[in-house]
N, C-alpha and C. Protein backbone atom coordinates (compact mmCIF):
# COMPACT_ATOMS: atom_id res chain seq x y z
N MET A 1 -22.27 -60.52 150.87
CA MET A 1 -23.51 -60.69 150.16
C MET A 1 -23.69 -59.53 149.17
N ILE A 2 -24.17 -59.89 147.99
CA ILE A 2 -24.32 -58.88 146.94
C ILE A 2 -25.70 -59.01 146.29
N ASP A 3 -26.11 -57.97 145.62
CA ASP A 3 -27.33 -57.98 144.82
C ASP A 3 -26.90 -58.07 143.36
N ILE A 4 -27.54 -58.98 142.62
CA ILE A 4 -27.17 -59.21 141.23
C ILE A 4 -28.41 -59.23 140.37
N ALA A 5 -28.36 -58.58 139.22
CA ALA A 5 -29.46 -58.61 138.24
C ALA A 5 -28.98 -59.37 137.01
N LEU A 6 -29.77 -60.36 136.59
CA LEU A 6 -29.46 -61.14 135.39
C LEU A 6 -30.70 -61.20 134.52
N ASN A 7 -30.50 -61.22 133.22
CA ASN A 7 -31.62 -61.32 132.28
C ASN A 7 -31.62 -62.67 131.60
N GLU A 8 -32.80 -63.18 131.38
CA GLU A 8 -32.99 -64.39 130.58
C GLU A 8 -34.19 -64.12 129.70
N GLY A 9 -33.93 -64.02 128.38
CA GLY A 9 -35.02 -63.68 127.47
C GLY A 9 -35.60 -62.33 127.81
N SER A 10 -36.91 -62.27 127.99
CA SER A 10 -37.57 -61.00 128.32
C SER A 10 -37.89 -60.89 129.81
N LEU A 11 -37.14 -61.60 130.64
CA LEU A 11 -37.32 -61.55 132.08
C LEU A 11 -36.06 -61.04 132.75
N SER A 12 -36.23 -60.20 133.77
CA SER A 12 -35.12 -59.69 134.56
C SER A 12 -35.22 -60.27 135.97
N PHE A 13 -34.17 -60.94 136.41
CA PHE A 13 -34.12 -61.54 137.73
C PHE A 13 -33.21 -60.69 138.60
N GLU A 14 -33.73 -60.24 139.74
CA GLU A 14 -32.95 -59.46 140.70
C GLU A 14 -32.77 -60.31 141.94
N PHE A 15 -31.55 -60.80 142.13
CA PHE A 15 -31.23 -61.65 143.28
C PHE A 15 -30.69 -60.77 144.40
N ASP A 16 -31.29 -60.89 145.59
CA ASP A 16 -30.94 -60.04 146.72
C ASP A 16 -30.06 -60.79 147.73
N SER A 17 -28.99 -60.14 148.15
CA SER A 17 -28.11 -60.64 149.21
C SER A 17 -27.69 -62.09 148.99
N VAL A 18 -27.12 -62.36 147.82
CA VAL A 18 -26.65 -63.71 147.50
C VAL A 18 -25.12 -63.73 147.50
N GLU A 19 -24.57 -64.92 147.63
CA GLU A 19 -23.12 -65.06 147.55
C GLU A 19 -22.68 -64.97 146.09
N PHE A 20 -23.45 -65.61 145.22
CA PHE A 20 -23.22 -65.46 143.79
C PHE A 20 -24.51 -65.83 143.05
N ALA A 21 -24.65 -65.31 141.86
CA ALA A 21 -25.73 -65.65 140.93
C ALA A 21 -25.14 -65.47 139.54
N GLU A 22 -25.11 -66.57 138.78
CA GLU A 22 -24.47 -66.51 137.47
C GLU A 22 -25.29 -67.27 136.43
N LYS A 23 -25.14 -66.85 135.19
CA LYS A 23 -25.74 -67.58 134.07
C LYS A 23 -24.81 -68.73 133.74
N TYR A 24 -25.13 -69.89 134.28
CA TYR A 24 -24.25 -71.05 134.11
C TYR A 24 -24.09 -71.42 132.63
N ASP A 25 -25.15 -71.32 131.86
CA ASP A 25 -25.05 -71.75 130.46
C ASP A 25 -24.18 -70.80 129.62
N ASP A 26 -23.70 -69.71 130.22
CA ASP A 26 -22.75 -68.82 129.55
C ASP A 26 -21.31 -69.03 130.01
N TRP A 27 -21.11 -69.93 130.95
CA TRP A 27 -19.76 -70.15 131.48
C TRP A 27 -18.81 -70.62 130.37
N ARG A 28 -17.59 -70.13 130.45
CA ARG A 28 -16.54 -70.54 129.51
C ARG A 28 -16.28 -72.05 129.62
N HIS A 29 -16.25 -72.56 130.85
CA HIS A 29 -15.99 -74.00 131.04
C HIS A 29 -17.11 -74.84 130.43
N TYR A 30 -18.35 -74.44 130.65
CA TYR A 30 -19.46 -75.20 130.08
C TYR A 30 -19.41 -75.18 128.56
N ARG A 31 -19.26 -74.01 127.98
CA ARG A 31 -19.29 -73.87 126.53
C ARG A 31 -18.07 -74.49 125.83
N GLY A 32 -16.89 -74.23 126.39
CA GLY A 32 -15.67 -74.62 125.69
C GLY A 32 -15.07 -75.95 126.08
N VAL A 33 -15.37 -76.43 127.27
CA VAL A 33 -14.74 -77.67 127.73
C VAL A 33 -15.77 -78.76 127.95
N PHE A 34 -16.66 -78.55 128.90
CA PHE A 34 -17.58 -79.61 129.30
C PHE A 34 -18.52 -80.02 128.17
N ASN A 35 -19.15 -79.07 127.53
CA ASN A 35 -20.09 -79.38 126.45
C ASN A 35 -19.38 -80.04 125.27
N SER A 36 -18.18 -79.59 124.97
CA SER A 36 -17.41 -80.18 123.86
C SER A 36 -17.02 -81.61 124.15
N ALA A 37 -16.55 -81.85 125.38
CA ALA A 37 -16.07 -83.19 125.74
C ALA A 37 -17.22 -84.18 125.91
N CYS A 38 -18.33 -83.71 126.45
CA CYS A 38 -19.44 -84.62 126.76
C CYS A 38 -20.46 -84.70 125.62
N GLY A 39 -20.35 -83.85 124.66
CA GLY A 39 -21.25 -83.89 123.52
C GLY A 39 -22.69 -83.57 123.86
N SER A 40 -23.11 -82.44 123.50
CA SER A 40 -24.49 -81.95 123.66
C SER A 40 -25.01 -82.08 125.08
N SER A 41 -24.21 -81.70 126.06
CA SER A 41 -24.70 -81.66 127.43
C SER A 41 -25.65 -80.47 127.56
N LYS A 42 -26.42 -80.47 128.61
CA LYS A 42 -27.43 -79.42 128.85
C LYS A 42 -26.99 -78.58 130.03
N ALA A 43 -27.64 -77.43 130.23
CA ALA A 43 -27.29 -76.55 131.34
C ALA A 43 -28.52 -75.78 131.79
N VAL A 44 -28.64 -75.60 133.11
CA VAL A 44 -29.69 -74.74 133.63
C VAL A 44 -29.29 -73.29 133.34
N ASP A 45 -30.25 -72.40 133.49
CA ASP A 45 -29.96 -71.00 133.19
C ASP A 45 -29.13 -70.33 134.28
N PHE A 46 -29.50 -70.53 135.55
CA PHE A 46 -28.82 -69.84 136.64
C PHE A 46 -28.36 -70.79 137.73
N VAL A 47 -27.19 -70.51 138.29
CA VAL A 47 -26.76 -71.12 139.55
C VAL A 47 -26.65 -69.97 140.54
N VAL A 48 -27.29 -70.15 141.70
CA VAL A 48 -27.37 -69.09 142.70
C VAL A 48 -27.05 -69.69 144.06
N SER A 49 -26.27 -68.97 144.85
CA SER A 49 -25.94 -69.42 146.20
C SER A 49 -26.41 -68.39 147.21
N LYS A 50 -27.16 -68.90 148.18
CA LYS A 50 -27.59 -68.04 149.28
C LYS A 50 -27.64 -68.89 150.53
N GLY A 51 -26.91 -68.46 151.55
CA GLY A 51 -26.84 -69.25 152.78
C GLY A 51 -26.19 -70.59 152.49
N GLY A 52 -26.77 -71.65 153.00
CA GLY A 52 -26.24 -72.98 152.77
C GLY A 52 -26.89 -73.69 151.61
N THR A 53 -27.55 -72.93 150.73
CA THR A 53 -28.32 -73.54 149.63
C THR A 53 -27.79 -73.12 148.27
N LEU A 54 -27.68 -74.12 147.40
CA LEU A 54 -27.37 -73.87 145.99
C LEU A 54 -28.67 -74.02 145.22
N TRP A 55 -29.04 -73.02 144.47
CA TRP A 55 -30.26 -73.02 143.67
C TRP A 55 -29.90 -73.22 142.21
N LEU A 56 -30.52 -74.19 141.57
CA LEU A 56 -30.40 -74.38 140.12
C LEU A 56 -31.73 -73.95 139.53
N ILE A 57 -31.71 -72.93 138.69
CA ILE A 57 -32.93 -72.33 138.17
C ILE A 57 -32.97 -72.45 136.66
N GLU A 58 -34.03 -73.08 136.16
CA GLU A 58 -34.28 -73.18 134.72
C GLU A 58 -35.46 -72.28 134.40
N VAL A 59 -35.34 -71.48 133.35
CA VAL A 59 -36.37 -70.52 132.98
C VAL A 59 -37.01 -70.92 131.66
N LYS A 60 -38.33 -70.98 131.65
CA LYS A 60 -39.10 -71.23 130.43
C LYS A 60 -40.18 -70.16 130.34
N ASP A 61 -40.21 -69.46 129.22
CA ASP A 61 -41.17 -68.38 129.03
C ASP A 61 -42.02 -68.68 127.81
N TYR A 62 -43.25 -69.10 128.05
CA TYR A 62 -44.18 -69.46 126.97
C TYR A 62 -45.30 -68.42 126.81
N ARG A 63 -45.05 -67.18 127.21
CA ARG A 63 -46.10 -66.16 127.11
C ARG A 63 -46.41 -65.80 125.66
N THR A 64 -45.42 -65.82 124.80
CA THR A 64 -45.67 -65.43 123.41
C THR A 64 -45.51 -66.57 122.42
N HIS A 65 -44.78 -67.61 122.82
CA HIS A 65 -44.59 -68.76 121.93
C HIS A 65 -44.83 -70.04 122.71
N ALA A 66 -45.71 -70.87 122.21
CA ALA A 66 -46.01 -72.14 122.87
C ALA A 66 -44.83 -73.09 122.73
N ARG A 67 -44.77 -74.07 123.61
CA ARG A 67 -43.71 -75.08 123.56
C ARG A 67 -43.88 -75.92 122.31
N THR A 68 -42.79 -76.10 121.56
CA THR A 68 -42.85 -76.88 120.32
C THR A 68 -41.92 -78.10 120.35
N LYS A 69 -41.06 -78.19 121.38
CA LYS A 69 -40.14 -79.32 121.45
C LYS A 69 -40.93 -80.61 121.69
N PRO A 70 -40.55 -81.69 121.02
CA PRO A 70 -41.27 -82.95 121.19
C PRO A 70 -40.97 -83.65 122.52
N SER A 71 -39.82 -83.34 123.14
CA SER A 71 -39.47 -84.01 124.40
C SER A 71 -40.31 -83.47 125.55
N ASP A 72 -40.43 -84.27 126.59
CA ASP A 72 -41.17 -83.89 127.77
C ASP A 72 -40.38 -82.83 128.54
N LEU A 73 -41.06 -81.80 129.03
CA LEU A 73 -40.39 -80.72 129.74
C LEU A 73 -39.70 -81.23 131.00
N ALA A 74 -40.33 -82.13 131.72
CA ALA A 74 -39.71 -82.67 132.94
C ALA A 74 -38.41 -83.41 132.62
N ASP A 75 -38.40 -84.15 131.54
CA ASP A 75 -37.17 -84.84 131.12
C ASP A 75 -36.08 -83.83 130.76
N GLU A 76 -36.47 -82.77 130.08
CA GLU A 76 -35.51 -81.74 129.69
C GLU A 76 -34.90 -81.08 130.92
N VAL A 77 -35.72 -80.73 131.90
CA VAL A 77 -35.21 -80.11 133.12
C VAL A 77 -34.31 -81.08 133.88
N MET A 78 -34.72 -82.34 133.95
CA MET A 78 -33.92 -83.35 134.65
C MET A 78 -32.53 -83.47 134.02
N LEU A 79 -32.46 -83.51 132.70
CA LEU A 79 -31.16 -83.59 132.02
C LEU A 79 -30.31 -82.35 132.29
N LYS A 80 -30.94 -81.20 132.30
CA LYS A 80 -30.21 -79.95 132.55
C LYS A 80 -29.63 -79.93 133.96
N VAL A 81 -30.43 -80.39 134.93
CA VAL A 81 -29.95 -80.43 136.31
C VAL A 81 -28.80 -81.43 136.44
N ARG A 82 -28.97 -82.62 135.90
CA ARG A 82 -27.93 -83.65 135.96
C ARG A 82 -26.63 -83.15 135.33
N ASP A 83 -26.72 -82.59 134.14
CA ASP A 83 -25.52 -82.14 133.43
C ASP A 83 -24.88 -80.93 134.11
N THR A 84 -25.69 -80.05 134.69
CA THR A 84 -25.15 -78.90 135.41
C THR A 84 -24.38 -79.36 136.64
N MET A 85 -24.94 -80.32 137.37
CA MET A 85 -24.25 -80.85 138.54
C MET A 85 -22.90 -81.45 138.14
N ALA A 86 -22.87 -82.22 137.07
CA ALA A 86 -21.63 -82.80 136.59
C ALA A 86 -20.67 -81.71 136.10
N GLY A 87 -21.20 -80.70 135.44
CA GLY A 87 -20.36 -79.61 134.95
C GLY A 87 -19.74 -78.80 136.08
N LEU A 88 -20.47 -78.63 137.18
CA LEU A 88 -19.90 -77.92 138.33
C LEU A 88 -18.73 -78.70 138.92
N VAL A 89 -18.86 -80.02 139.01
CA VAL A 89 -17.75 -80.85 139.50
C VAL A 89 -16.56 -80.73 138.56
N SER A 90 -16.81 -80.81 137.28
CA SER A 90 -15.73 -80.70 136.29
C SER A 90 -15.02 -79.35 136.40
N ALA A 91 -15.79 -78.27 136.50
CA ALA A 91 -15.20 -76.94 136.59
C ALA A 91 -14.37 -76.78 137.86
N ALA A 92 -14.81 -77.41 138.96
CA ALA A 92 -14.07 -77.31 140.22
C ALA A 92 -12.69 -77.94 140.11
N TYR A 93 -12.58 -79.00 139.31
CA TYR A 93 -11.30 -79.71 139.21
C TYR A 93 -10.43 -79.27 138.04
N VAL A 94 -11.03 -79.06 136.89
CA VAL A 94 -10.21 -78.76 135.71
C VAL A 94 -10.57 -77.44 135.03
N GLY A 95 -11.35 -76.60 135.71
CA GLY A 95 -11.72 -75.31 135.13
C GLY A 95 -10.50 -74.44 134.87
N VAL A 96 -10.52 -73.71 133.77
CA VAL A 96 -9.41 -72.83 133.44
C VAL A 96 -9.69 -71.38 133.84
N ASP A 97 -10.95 -71.04 133.99
CA ASP A 97 -11.34 -69.69 134.42
C ASP A 97 -11.35 -69.68 135.95
N ALA A 98 -10.52 -68.84 136.55
CA ALA A 98 -10.36 -68.82 138.01
C ALA A 98 -11.67 -68.49 138.72
N ASP A 99 -12.46 -67.56 138.18
CA ASP A 99 -13.73 -67.20 138.81
C ASP A 99 -14.72 -68.37 138.76
N GLU A 100 -14.79 -69.03 137.63
CA GLU A 100 -15.70 -70.17 137.50
C GLU A 100 -15.27 -71.31 138.42
N LYS A 101 -13.98 -71.52 138.51
CA LYS A 101 -13.45 -72.57 139.38
C LYS A 101 -13.80 -72.26 140.84
N ARG A 102 -13.63 -71.03 141.25
CA ARG A 102 -13.95 -70.60 142.61
C ARG A 102 -15.45 -70.74 142.88
N THR A 103 -16.27 -70.32 141.92
CA THR A 103 -17.72 -70.41 142.08
C THR A 103 -18.17 -71.86 142.17
N SER A 104 -17.63 -72.71 141.32
CA SER A 104 -18.05 -74.11 141.35
C SER A 104 -17.62 -74.78 142.65
N ARG A 105 -16.45 -74.47 143.14
CA ARG A 105 -16.01 -75.04 144.42
C ARG A 105 -16.91 -74.56 145.56
N SER A 106 -17.27 -73.31 145.53
CA SER A 106 -18.19 -72.78 146.54
C SER A 106 -19.55 -73.46 146.44
N ALA A 107 -20.02 -73.66 145.22
CA ALA A 107 -21.33 -74.30 145.00
C ALA A 107 -21.33 -75.72 145.55
N LEU A 108 -20.25 -76.44 145.36
CA LEU A 108 -20.18 -77.82 145.79
C LEU A 108 -20.07 -77.98 147.31
N LYS A 109 -19.78 -76.90 148.01
CA LYS A 109 -19.71 -76.95 149.47
C LYS A 109 -21.08 -76.76 150.13
N LYS A 110 -22.07 -76.38 149.35
CA LYS A 110 -23.40 -76.13 149.92
C LYS A 110 -24.00 -77.41 150.46
N ARG A 111 -24.77 -77.30 151.51
CA ARG A 111 -25.37 -78.46 152.16
C ARG A 111 -26.74 -78.81 151.60
N LYS A 112 -27.34 -77.88 150.86
CA LYS A 112 -28.69 -78.11 150.34
C LYS A 112 -28.76 -77.67 148.89
N LEU A 113 -29.52 -78.44 148.09
CA LEU A 113 -29.71 -78.12 146.68
C LEU A 113 -31.19 -77.94 146.41
N LYS A 114 -31.55 -76.84 145.77
CA LYS A 114 -32.95 -76.58 145.40
C LYS A 114 -33.02 -76.40 143.89
N VAL A 115 -33.99 -77.07 143.28
CA VAL A 115 -34.22 -76.94 141.84
C VAL A 115 -35.51 -76.17 141.64
N VAL A 116 -35.45 -75.15 140.79
CA VAL A 116 -36.61 -74.31 140.51
C VAL A 116 -36.83 -74.26 139.00
N LEU A 117 -38.05 -74.54 138.58
CA LEU A 117 -38.45 -74.30 137.19
C LEU A 117 -39.27 -73.03 137.20
N HIS A 118 -38.72 -71.98 136.61
CA HIS A 118 -39.45 -70.72 136.49
C HIS A 118 -40.22 -70.79 135.18
N LEU A 119 -41.53 -70.90 135.27
CA LEU A 119 -42.39 -71.16 134.13
C LEU A 119 -43.37 -70.01 133.92
N GLU A 120 -43.20 -69.25 132.85
CA GLU A 120 -44.12 -68.17 132.51
C GLU A 120 -45.03 -68.64 131.38
N GLN A 121 -46.33 -68.42 131.58
CA GLN A 121 -47.33 -68.79 130.57
C GLN A 121 -48.30 -67.62 130.40
N PRO A 122 -49.10 -67.63 129.36
CA PRO A 122 -50.05 -66.53 129.18
C PRO A 122 -50.97 -66.40 130.39
N SER A 123 -51.15 -65.16 130.85
CA SER A 123 -52.01 -64.95 132.02
C SER A 123 -53.47 -65.21 131.70
N LYS A 124 -53.84 -65.00 130.44
CA LYS A 124 -55.21 -65.30 130.00
C LYS A 124 -55.10 -66.20 128.77
N PRO A 125 -55.04 -67.52 128.99
CA PRO A 125 -54.88 -68.43 127.85
C PRO A 125 -56.00 -68.26 126.81
N SER A 126 -55.62 -68.40 125.57
CA SER A 126 -56.58 -68.29 124.46
C SER A 126 -56.19 -69.31 123.41
N ARG A 127 -56.93 -69.35 122.32
CA ARG A 127 -56.55 -70.26 121.24
C ARG A 127 -55.22 -69.88 120.63
N LEU A 128 -54.98 -68.58 120.55
CA LEU A 128 -53.74 -68.09 119.97
C LEU A 128 -52.55 -68.34 120.92
N PHE A 129 -52.77 -68.13 122.22
CA PHE A 129 -51.73 -68.34 123.23
C PHE A 129 -52.27 -69.25 124.33
N PRO A 130 -52.33 -70.55 124.08
CA PRO A 130 -52.84 -71.48 125.09
C PRO A 130 -51.80 -71.73 126.19
N MET A 131 -52.26 -72.28 127.30
CA MET A 131 -51.34 -72.67 128.35
C MET A 131 -50.56 -73.89 127.85
N SER A 132 -49.24 -73.77 127.79
CA SER A 132 -48.39 -74.83 127.24
C SER A 132 -48.22 -76.01 128.17
N VAL A 133 -48.16 -75.72 129.45
CA VAL A 133 -47.81 -76.74 130.44
C VAL A 133 -48.73 -76.62 131.64
N ASP A 134 -49.22 -77.76 132.13
CA ASP A 134 -50.01 -77.78 133.36
C ASP A 134 -49.03 -77.76 134.53
N PRO A 135 -49.01 -76.69 135.34
CA PRO A 135 -48.02 -76.58 136.43
C PRO A 135 -48.09 -77.75 137.43
N ALA A 136 -49.28 -78.21 137.76
CA ALA A 136 -49.40 -79.33 138.71
C ALA A 136 -48.82 -80.61 138.11
N ASP A 137 -49.07 -80.84 136.83
CA ASP A 137 -48.55 -82.03 136.16
C ASP A 137 -47.03 -82.00 136.08
N ILE A 138 -46.47 -80.85 135.70
CA ILE A 138 -45.01 -80.76 135.58
C ILE A 138 -44.35 -80.90 136.94
N LEU A 139 -44.98 -80.37 138.00
CA LEU A 139 -44.42 -80.51 139.34
C LEU A 139 -44.38 -81.97 139.76
N MET A 140 -45.43 -82.70 139.50
CA MET A 140 -45.47 -84.13 139.84
C MET A 140 -44.36 -84.89 139.10
N LYS A 141 -44.21 -84.60 137.81
CA LYS A 141 -43.17 -85.26 137.03
C LYS A 141 -41.77 -84.89 137.51
N LEU A 142 -41.58 -83.62 137.85
CA LEU A 142 -40.27 -83.19 138.35
C LEU A 142 -39.92 -83.88 139.66
N ARG A 143 -40.89 -84.04 140.53
CA ARG A 143 -40.64 -84.74 141.80
C ARG A 143 -40.16 -86.17 141.54
N GLN A 144 -40.71 -86.80 140.54
CA GLN A 144 -40.31 -88.17 140.21
C GLN A 144 -38.91 -88.21 139.60
N ARG A 145 -38.64 -87.30 138.68
CA ARG A 145 -37.39 -87.35 137.93
C ARG A 145 -36.19 -86.73 138.64
N LEU A 146 -36.46 -85.85 139.60
CA LEU A 146 -35.36 -85.14 140.26
C LEU A 146 -35.04 -85.64 141.66
N ARG A 147 -35.50 -86.83 141.99
CA ARG A 147 -35.25 -87.38 143.32
C ARG A 147 -33.76 -87.46 143.62
N PHE A 148 -32.94 -87.62 142.62
CA PHE A 148 -31.49 -87.71 142.81
C PHE A 148 -30.88 -86.39 143.26
N ALA A 149 -31.59 -85.28 143.06
CA ALA A 149 -31.04 -83.96 143.37
C ALA A 149 -31.88 -83.21 144.40
N ASP A 150 -33.18 -83.17 144.21
CA ASP A 150 -34.08 -82.39 145.07
C ASP A 150 -35.44 -83.07 145.10
N CYS A 151 -35.82 -83.58 146.26
CA CYS A 151 -37.11 -84.29 146.39
C CYS A 151 -38.29 -83.33 146.35
N HIS A 152 -38.02 -82.04 146.53
CA HIS A 152 -39.09 -81.05 146.56
C HIS A 152 -38.78 -79.89 145.62
N PRO A 153 -38.70 -80.15 144.31
CA PRO A 153 -38.47 -79.04 143.37
C PRO A 153 -39.69 -78.13 143.37
N THR A 154 -39.52 -76.94 142.85
CA THR A 154 -40.65 -76.01 142.79
C THR A 154 -40.84 -75.50 141.37
N VAL A 155 -42.09 -75.18 141.08
CA VAL A 155 -42.45 -74.56 139.81
C VAL A 155 -43.06 -73.20 140.18
N VAL A 156 -42.46 -72.14 139.67
CA VAL A 156 -42.88 -70.79 140.03
C VAL A 156 -43.07 -69.95 138.78
N ASP A 157 -43.67 -68.78 138.98
CA ASP A 157 -43.73 -67.75 137.95
C ASP A 157 -43.32 -66.44 138.63
N ARG A 158 -43.52 -65.32 137.96
CA ARG A 158 -43.10 -64.04 138.55
C ARG A 158 -43.75 -63.79 139.90
N ALA A 159 -45.03 -64.12 140.02
CA ALA A 159 -45.76 -63.87 141.26
C ALA A 159 -45.34 -64.80 142.40
N LYS A 160 -44.84 -65.97 142.07
CA LYS A 160 -44.51 -66.97 143.10
C LYS A 160 -43.00 -67.18 143.28
N PHE A 161 -42.20 -66.31 142.68
CA PHE A 161 -40.75 -66.45 142.82
C PHE A 161 -40.39 -66.29 144.30
N PRO A 162 -39.48 -67.13 144.82
CA PRO A 162 -39.16 -67.08 146.26
C PRO A 162 -38.68 -65.69 146.69
N ASN A 163 -39.39 -65.08 147.62
CA ASN A 163 -39.03 -63.74 148.12
C ASN A 163 -37.64 -63.72 148.71
N SER A 164 -37.22 -64.85 149.28
CA SER A 164 -35.90 -64.90 149.90
C SER A 164 -34.78 -64.72 148.88
N LEU A 165 -35.06 -65.03 147.61
CA LEU A 165 -34.04 -64.88 146.56
C LEU A 165 -34.08 -63.52 145.89
N GLY A 166 -35.27 -62.94 145.76
CA GLY A 166 -35.38 -61.67 145.06
C GLY A 166 -36.70 -61.56 144.33
N ARG A 167 -36.64 -61.00 143.12
CA ARG A 167 -37.87 -60.78 142.35
C ARG A 167 -37.58 -60.88 140.87
N VAL A 168 -38.67 -61.04 140.12
CA VAL A 168 -38.58 -61.18 138.67
C VAL A 168 -39.55 -60.18 138.04
N SER A 169 -39.12 -59.56 136.95
CA SER A 169 -40.02 -58.65 136.23
C SER A 169 -39.79 -58.82 134.73
N SER A 170 -40.76 -58.35 133.98
CA SER A 170 -40.63 -58.38 132.51
C SER A 170 -39.77 -57.21 132.07
N ILE A 171 -39.02 -57.45 131.01
CA ILE A 171 -38.17 -56.38 130.45
C ILE A 171 -38.99 -55.62 129.43
C-alpha cells in the first residue's frame, strides 16, 4: 500500500494506503491507442484501487468558471465511465506500456466498482459565480445512467471526499 498525490486543475488529491492511483486520461494507451482507434472516446480523471474496490473518479471544478458545455453532465460522466471501462479492458490485452497493462489487469480483478463525481462549486453562489449544478439532481441522474457500472454512485466535494481514500485540498 502506498500514498499517492495527484493534481487535477487547482485541486490536489492525496490518496492514502492505496494499491494504485493514476490519472487515467494521461495514460499512453488511452491517448495513443484507444482514443485513436475508437475516435473521441472519453476518460475519467482517476482510477484508484483500494482493497477489493476500483474507484473511477471524475473531477469537475466550477468554482471560478460555470459549466458552459451544452451536454448534460450526467451523460458526460456516463460516457467517461463507459469508455474508461472499455479502455481498461483494451489496455489489459493489447497495452504496450507494461505498467499500464499491469494496472489495468489489477483493476479488472476488483470485485467492486465505485463511481465518484467530485464536484466543486462556489461556496457562496452569486450572480457572478452561480451554482452550476444541483448536486441532488445530478446524483439522481447518475443513478439512472450508471446502473450498468455502479447503482450507488456518489457526488462529493472537498468536505465530503471519502475519508477511506484520502483528502482533497486546493492548490
